Protein backbone atom coordinates (compact mmCIF):
# COMPACT_ATOMS: atom_id res chain seq x y z
CA MET A 1 -103.63 -139.39 72.31
CA SER A 2 -106.49 -141.75 72.70
CA THR A 3 -109.28 -141.95 75.59
CA ASN A 4 -110.57 -144.79 75.36
CA VAL A 5 -110.28 -148.35 73.63
CA LYS A 6 -112.53 -147.69 70.71
CA GLY A 7 -110.02 -144.61 70.33
CA LEU A 8 -106.74 -147.51 70.33
CA ILE A 9 -108.45 -149.33 67.58
CA ASP A 10 -109.16 -146.55 64.97
CA ARG A 11 -105.52 -145.29 65.71
CA VAL A 12 -104.33 -148.67 64.54
CA TYR A 13 -106.44 -148.43 61.78
CA ARG A 14 -105.57 -144.63 60.75
CA GLU A 15 -102.01 -145.50 61.74
CA TYR A 16 -100.77 -149.27 60.42
CA LEU A 17 -103.76 -150.64 58.58
CA GLU A 18 -105.47 -148.45 56.14
CA PRO A 19 -103.55 -146.71 54.36
CA ALA A 20 -105.05 -143.47 52.95
CA ASP A 21 -105.63 -144.81 49.41
CA ASP A 22 -106.37 -147.99 50.24
CA ILE A 23 -109.38 -147.68 52.36
CA ASN A 24 -111.90 -150.50 52.35
CA SER A 25 -115.32 -149.91 50.28
CA TYR A 26 -117.69 -148.16 52.68
CA THR A 27 -121.45 -147.11 53.56
CA THR A 28 -123.48 -146.07 56.42
CA VAL A 29 -126.45 -147.41 58.17
CA HIS A 30 -129.35 -145.06 57.05
CA THR A 31 -131.47 -146.35 60.15
CA THR A 32 -130.93 -147.63 63.30
CA ILE A 33 -131.07 -151.73 63.76
CA ASN A 34 -131.87 -153.56 67.16
CA SER A 35 -129.70 -156.86 67.43
CA SER A 36 -132.95 -159.36 65.34
CA ILE A 37 -133.51 -157.29 62.85
CA THR A 38 -132.40 -158.87 59.10
CA THR A 39 -132.45 -155.98 56.77
CA VAL A 40 -130.29 -153.49 56.94
CA LYS A 41 -130.74 -150.08 54.72
CA TYR A 42 -127.94 -148.33 53.76
CA VAL A 43 -126.91 -145.23 52.45
CA ASP A 44 -126.20 -145.08 48.92
CA SER A 45 -124.20 -142.28 47.60
CA LEU A 46 -121.55 -143.88 49.70
CA LEU A 47 -121.05 -146.28 46.70
CA THR A 48 -119.94 -146.46 43.18
CA SER A 49 -122.04 -148.67 41.23
CA GLU A 50 -119.08 -151.21 40.99
CA GLU A 51 -119.14 -151.23 45.12
CA GLU A 52 -122.30 -151.78 44.81
CA ASP A 53 -122.40 -154.55 42.87
CA VAL A 54 -120.29 -156.03 45.62
CA LEU A 55 -123.15 -156.38 47.66
CA ASP A 56 -124.08 -159.43 46.73
CA ALA A 57 -125.03 -163.01 48.26
CA GLY A 58 -121.97 -164.41 50.42
CA THR A 59 -120.14 -161.09 50.90
CA VAL A 60 -119.57 -160.31 54.47
CA ILE A 61 -120.32 -156.93 55.90
CA GLU A 62 -119.10 -155.51 59.05
CA ILE A 63 -120.69 -153.42 61.67
CA ASP A 64 -119.41 -151.84 64.46
CA GLN A 65 -117.49 -155.10 65.81
CA GLU A 66 -120.73 -157.50 64.26
CA LEU A 67 -119.65 -159.19 60.89
CA LEU A 68 -122.83 -159.93 58.98
CA HIS A 69 -124.08 -162.49 55.72
CA CYS A 70 -125.02 -160.99 52.48
CA THR A 71 -127.89 -163.36 51.32
CA ALA A 72 -129.53 -160.14 48.51
CA VAL A 73 -129.54 -156.51 48.21
CA ASP A 74 -131.87 -154.20 46.56
CA THR A 75 -130.36 -151.65 44.93
CA VAL A 76 -133.83 -149.70 44.45
CA ASN A 77 -134.76 -149.45 47.81
CA ASN A 78 -131.10 -149.36 49.68
CA GLU A 79 -131.31 -152.43 51.64
CA ILE A 80 -129.34 -155.49 52.79
CA THR A 81 -130.91 -158.78 53.62
CA VAL A 82 -128.26 -160.14 56.34
CA ILE A 83 -127.70 -163.11 58.51
CA ARG A 84 -126.80 -161.79 61.62
CA ALA A 85 -123.42 -162.39 63.87
CA VAL A 86 -121.32 -164.89 61.79
CA ARG A 87 -118.02 -166.10 62.33
CA GLY A 88 -118.47 -165.77 66.13
CA THR A 89 -119.18 -162.39 66.84
CA THR A 90 -122.50 -160.60 68.94
CA ALA A 91 -125.55 -159.56 67.61
CA ASP A 92 -125.59 -155.83 68.67
CA SER A 93 -128.27 -152.87 67.86
CA HIS A 94 -126.25 -150.20 65.25
CA ASP A 95 -126.93 -146.27 65.30
CA ALA A 96 -127.98 -144.97 62.30
CA GLY A 97 -124.65 -143.31 60.59
CA ALA A 98 -122.69 -146.14 61.79
CA VAL A 99 -120.41 -147.89 59.48
CA ILE A 100 -120.56 -150.33 56.78
CA LYS A 101 -117.60 -152.02 55.83
CA ILE A 102 -117.54 -154.23 53.01
CA ALA A 103 -115.88 -157.60 53.30
CA PRO A 104 -112.61 -155.76 55.31
CA ALA A 105 -109.42 -157.05 55.26
CA PHE A 106 -108.63 -156.23 58.84
CA THR A 107 -112.13 -156.82 61.11
CA ARG A 108 -112.73 -154.42 63.57
CA LYS A 109 -113.05 -157.62 66.40
CA ALA A 110 -109.68 -159.02 65.15
CA VAL A 111 -108.13 -155.31 66.05
CA PHE A 112 -110.03 -155.31 69.56
CA ASP A 113 -108.83 -158.97 70.38
CA ALA A 114 -105.34 -158.00 69.15
CA ILE A 115 -105.36 -154.82 71.34
CA GLY A 116 -106.55 -157.27 74.21
CA ASP A 117 -103.54 -159.70 74.01
CA GLN A 118 -100.89 -157.13 73.83
CA ILE A 119 -102.05 -155.44 77.10
CA ALA A 120 -102.48 -158.48 79.21
CA ASN A 121 -99.14 -159.63 77.34
CA LEU A 122 -97.88 -156.17 78.93
CA TYR A 123 -97.10 -157.64 82.12
CA PRO A 124 -94.74 -158.55 83.58
CA THR A 125 -92.59 -156.85 81.34
CA LEU A 126 -94.27 -153.22 82.44
CA TYR A 127 -96.91 -153.05 84.88
CA ALA A 128 -99.40 -150.55 85.79
CA VAL A 129 -99.32 -148.63 88.99
CA GLU A 130 -102.02 -147.22 91.46
CA THR A 131 -101.60 -145.80 95.07
CA LYS A 132 -104.92 -146.46 97.32
CA THR A 133 -106.07 -144.65 100.30
CA LEU A 134 -106.00 -147.67 103.50
CA THR A 135 -106.78 -147.53 106.70
CA SER A 136 -104.24 -149.96 108.69
CA GLY A 137 -105.71 -152.87 110.94
CA THR A 138 -105.04 -155.48 113.77
CA GLY A 139 -103.51 -157.98 112.04
CA TYR A 140 -104.92 -157.83 108.11
CA SER A 141 -106.99 -155.20 106.50
CA LEU A 142 -108.84 -156.31 103.29
CA ILE A 143 -107.61 -154.72 100.62
CA GLY A 144 -111.44 -153.47 98.27
CA THR A 145 -115.14 -153.51 99.73
CA TYR A 146 -116.76 -157.42 100.39
CA GLY A 147 -119.49 -158.15 97.92
CA SER A 148 -118.32 -159.41 94.14
CA ASP A 149 -116.30 -157.57 91.90
CA VAL A 150 -117.38 -154.74 93.39
CA ASP A 151 -113.60 -152.98 92.83
CA ASP A 152 -110.54 -154.59 90.84
CA SER A 153 -108.08 -155.09 93.77
CA ASN A 154 -107.51 -158.50 92.85
CA TYR A 155 -105.05 -157.00 89.87
CA LEU A 156 -102.95 -155.88 92.50
CA VAL A 157 -99.49 -157.61 92.74
CA THR A 158 -97.18 -155.94 94.99
CA PRO A 159 -96.87 -153.17 97.26
CA ILE A 160 -94.29 -150.74 96.04
CA LYS A 161 -94.06 -148.44 98.87
CA ALA A 162 -95.97 -147.18 101.92
CA ILE A 163 -96.81 -143.74 103.14
CA SER A 164 -98.34 -142.53 106.85
CA GLN A 165 -98.73 -139.05 107.70
CA TYR A 166 -97.13 -140.62 111.09
CA THR A 167 -94.44 -139.74 113.61
CA ASP A 168 -94.91 -141.12 117.03
CA TRP A 169 -93.89 -144.44 116.77
CA SER A 170 -94.95 -145.48 120.27
CA SER A 171 -98.35 -144.24 120.10
CA GLY A 172 -99.14 -144.08 116.82
CA SER A 173 -100.65 -141.03 116.75
CA ASP A 174 -100.28 -138.69 113.82
CA GLN A 175 -98.79 -135.45 113.14
CA THR A 176 -100.62 -132.45 112.55
CA GLY A 177 -97.91 -131.00 109.53
CA LEU A 178 -97.02 -131.88 105.93
CA THR A 179 -94.38 -134.60 106.63
CA PHE A 180 -95.17 -137.91 105.83
CA LYS A 181 -92.66 -141.18 106.59
CA GLY A 182 -92.33 -145.42 104.85
CA VAL A 183 -94.70 -148.15 106.59
CA ALA A 184 -93.59 -151.31 106.18
CA VAL A 185 -96.58 -153.72 104.35
CA GLU A 186 -97.08 -157.36 103.79
CA MET A 187 -99.71 -158.30 100.75
CA VAL A 188 -101.43 -161.40 101.53
CA ASP A 189 -103.03 -163.94 99.09
CA LEU A 190 -106.02 -164.77 100.51
CA PRO A 191 -108.86 -167.70 99.04
CA ASN A 192 -111.56 -166.21 96.52
CA PRO A 193 -113.98 -166.16 97.77
CA PHE A 194 -112.83 -165.18 101.01
CA VAL A 195 -114.87 -164.87 103.70
CA TRP A 196 -114.71 -163.66 107.50
CA THR A 197 -116.12 -161.83 110.02
CA ASP A 198 -115.97 -158.31 110.70
CA ASP A 199 -115.67 -156.22 113.66
CA THR A 200 -119.59 -155.92 113.83
CA SER A 201 -119.70 -159.62 113.75
CA THR A 202 -120.99 -159.99 110.87
CA GLU A 203 -120.09 -162.54 108.22
CA ARG A 204 -118.72 -161.37 104.87
CA THR A 205 -117.77 -162.52 101.73
CA LYS A 206 -115.66 -160.96 98.84
CA THR A 207 -115.47 -163.02 95.40
CA TYR A 208 -114.19 -162.25 92.37
CA THR A 209 -115.75 -163.59 89.11
CA THR A 210 -113.24 -161.90 86.80
CA GLY A 211 -109.89 -161.48 86.69
CA PRO A 212 -106.98 -163.24 88.77
CA ASP A 213 -108.50 -165.81 91.06
CA VAL A 214 -107.41 -164.27 94.65
CA VAL A 215 -108.20 -161.81 97.01
CA HIS A 216 -105.78 -159.86 97.98
CA ALA A 217 -105.11 -158.13 102.14
CA LEU A 218 -102.81 -156.17 103.48
CA GLN A 219 -100.50 -156.90 107.54
CA TRP A 220 -99.30 -153.39 108.49
CA VAL A 221 -96.31 -153.61 110.51
CA GLY A 222 -94.56 -151.26 112.93
CA ILE A 223 -97.79 -148.44 113.20
CA ALA A 224 -101.18 -148.74 114.94
CA ALA A 225 -104.71 -149.55 113.75
CA GLY A 226 -106.89 -146.62 113.09
CA HIS A 227 -104.70 -145.06 111.07
CA THR A 228 -104.32 -143.16 106.52
CA ALA A 229 -101.94 -145.02 104.63
CA TYR A 230 -101.33 -144.33 101.25
CA VAL A 231 -100.18 -147.69 99.25
CA THR A 232 -98.73 -147.55 95.70
CA PHE A 233 -99.00 -150.94 93.98
CA LYS A 234 -97.76 -152.44 90.96
CA LYS A 235 -100.79 -153.82 88.80
CA LYS A 236 -101.73 -155.74 86.17
CA PHE A 237 -103.27 -154.41 83.19
CA LYS A 238 -107.18 -154.62 83.06
CA GLN A 239 -107.85 -156.89 79.24
CA PRO A 240 -110.72 -154.74 78.03
CA ILE A 241 -114.29 -155.78 77.32
CA LEU A 242 -115.77 -152.56 75.50
CA GLU A 243 -114.46 -150.84 73.06
CA SER A 244 -116.11 -148.13 75.84
CA GLU A 245 -113.65 -148.28 78.60
CA THR A 246 -111.34 -145.76 79.21
CA LEU A 247 -107.58 -146.32 78.98
CA VAL A 248 -107.34 -145.00 82.18
CA SER A 249 -108.94 -147.39 83.93
CA ILE A 250 -107.49 -150.76 82.31
CA GLY A 251 -104.16 -148.89 83.59
CA LEU A 252 -102.38 -148.05 80.20
CA GLU A 253 -100.69 -144.91 80.27
CA ASP A 254 -100.19 -142.50 77.13
CA GLU A 255 -96.15 -144.25 76.77
CA TYR A 256 -97.74 -147.23 76.14
CA GLU A 257 -100.69 -146.82 73.29
CA ALA A 258 -97.49 -147.22 70.49
CA ILE A 259 -96.85 -150.53 71.96
CA VAL A 260 -100.13 -151.41 72.07
CA MET A 261 -100.45 -150.84 68.44
CA ALA A 262 -97.06 -152.12 67.56
CA GLY A 263 -98.07 -155.44 68.60
CA ALA A 264 -101.16 -155.63 67.51
CA ALA A 265 -100.19 -154.63 63.93
CA ALA A 266 -97.67 -156.95 63.66
CA HIS A 267 -100.27 -159.27 65.02
CA LEU A 268 -102.22 -158.68 62.26
CA LEU A 269 -100.19 -159.01 59.86
CA SER A 270 -98.49 -161.62 60.28
CA GLY A 271 -98.29 -164.19 57.85
CA ARG A 272 -100.65 -161.97 55.30
CA ASP A 273 -99.91 -161.33 52.01
CA ILE A 274 -99.82 -157.14 52.80
CA PRO A 275 -100.48 -154.98 49.68
CA ALA A 276 -98.10 -153.37 48.31
CA ALA A 277 -99.84 -149.72 49.29
CA THR A 278 -99.92 -150.87 52.93
CA ALA A 279 -96.38 -152.10 53.07
CA ASP A 280 -94.84 -148.71 52.37
CA PHE A 281 -97.77 -147.05 54.57
CA VAL A 282 -96.20 -149.37 57.28
CA THR A 283 -92.44 -148.12 56.63
CA ASP A 284 -93.38 -145.01 57.04
CA GLN A 285 -94.93 -145.08 59.50
CA LEU A 286 -92.18 -145.95 61.26
CA ALA A 287 -89.32 -143.33 59.60
CA VAL A 288 -91.22 -141.25 61.22
CA ALA A 289 -91.22 -143.41 63.94
CA THR A 290 -87.32 -142.81 63.85
CA TYR A 291 -87.23 -146.72 63.36
CA PRO A 292 -86.99 -147.27 59.75
CA VAL A 293 -87.99 -150.71 58.35
CA GLY A 294 -84.48 -151.99 57.11
CA SER A 295 -84.22 -153.55 53.69
CA SER A 296 -83.60 -157.02 54.93
CA SER A 297 -86.25 -156.91 57.62
CA ASN A 298 -89.97 -157.72 56.79
CA ILE A 299 -93.16 -155.17 57.97
CA ARG A 300 -93.90 -157.70 60.86
CA ASN A 301 -90.06 -157.82 62.85
CA GLY A 302 -90.02 -154.66 62.36
CA LEU A 303 -93.10 -153.64 63.81
CA LEU A 304 -92.00 -156.49 66.95
CA SER A 305 -88.72 -154.71 67.15
CA TYR A 306 -89.81 -151.47 67.31
CA GLN A 307 -92.23 -152.33 69.49
CA ARG A 308 -89.31 -153.83 71.53
CA TYR A 309 -87.09 -150.90 71.17
CA LEU A 310 -90.19 -148.83 72.95
CA ILE A 311 -90.62 -151.48 75.57
CA GLU A 312 -86.89 -150.75 76.40
CA GLN A 313 -87.77 -146.95 77.24
CA ALA A 314 -90.83 -147.80 79.01
CA LYS A 315 -89.15 -150.25 81.39
CA LYS A 316 -86.32 -147.73 82.04
CA ASP A 317 -88.58 -144.58 82.92
CA LEU A 318 -90.45 -147.33 85.11
CA LYS A 319 -87.53 -148.34 87.55
CA ALA A 320 -86.92 -144.23 87.95
CA ARG A 321 -90.11 -143.81 89.09
CA TYR A 322 -90.21 -146.30 90.87
CA PRO A 323 -87.17 -148.02 92.42
CA GLU A 324 -87.47 -152.15 93.36
CA PRO A 325 -88.61 -152.19 97.24
CA VAL A 326 -86.42 -154.26 99.54
CA ALA A 327 -87.99 -156.67 101.42
CA LEU A 328 -87.07 -158.62 104.55
CA ASN A 329 -88.49 -161.43 105.62
CA GLN A 330 -91.64 -161.00 103.45
CA ILE A 331 -92.56 -157.59 104.61
CA THR A 332 -91.71 -155.13 102.33
CA TYR A 333 -90.12 -151.97 102.77
CA PRO A 334 -89.75 -148.69 100.83
CA THR A 335 -86.93 -147.62 99.59
């Protein structure tokens, strides 16, 4: 399983887009380059003379997510003169040893974007889950910390359950044992930015500049202020911005990886004239996953059918782990 988005991208290439016998021609960066340099020194020992000939004016190469346009190649000094950041990509620094793909069939930026779209579109069919430790208050309690984008509580959707180590319903005192009981809560959508005055008479502002345009608060029912409660929420998945982001941070569980991969591969292969080696490779991969592509089904439809099958399995798992709570007068009561 992958730990971050980079690993997930690599899996899509390895398991769907790049059969071992049909890998793009590539070499590596010999010397680290910054975001403005226009000469890339490459390692020639990884290229045949025919592949080196391809590195001529007009060829597009890829380093990490950046696409570069070759204007000249010096095969004596192993240097490529390039125009940086073409086709909507961004110029970046690249370490020595970074892979240089020559005229890639599937660019890394395209794979990254396809994965991001798939993750964002999982909700509302599937959802992430987060449990927050909160303190009950009088009136509403803001979820998160004041300031700008200091948390991702705007991705929360609705409470699933809330419990507290609390049994004396008349006085609201905590119990010293290990028994927890359910607490009724209501989540309130507030405008973004939201301005309020705290208990020290200081004006505070909570603002989100990315993600859902909302600030959330909880209203507590039947529990005195000042008690610790553990509230589990449904949560939207965060669309990744960097390859270094962990799958945990964006809400992606291990079982969702295959769903995202199949959807991204289907998107990338849609409408393309797929090489026979790639078509056979994808078919074999689906067969290994016990979901063979029938003779009447093309590769894209096979991948989408496989994705739907995985989604149904994930939905059943979510339903078993998190039964839908009961809502009465807009207040959520755990089941």
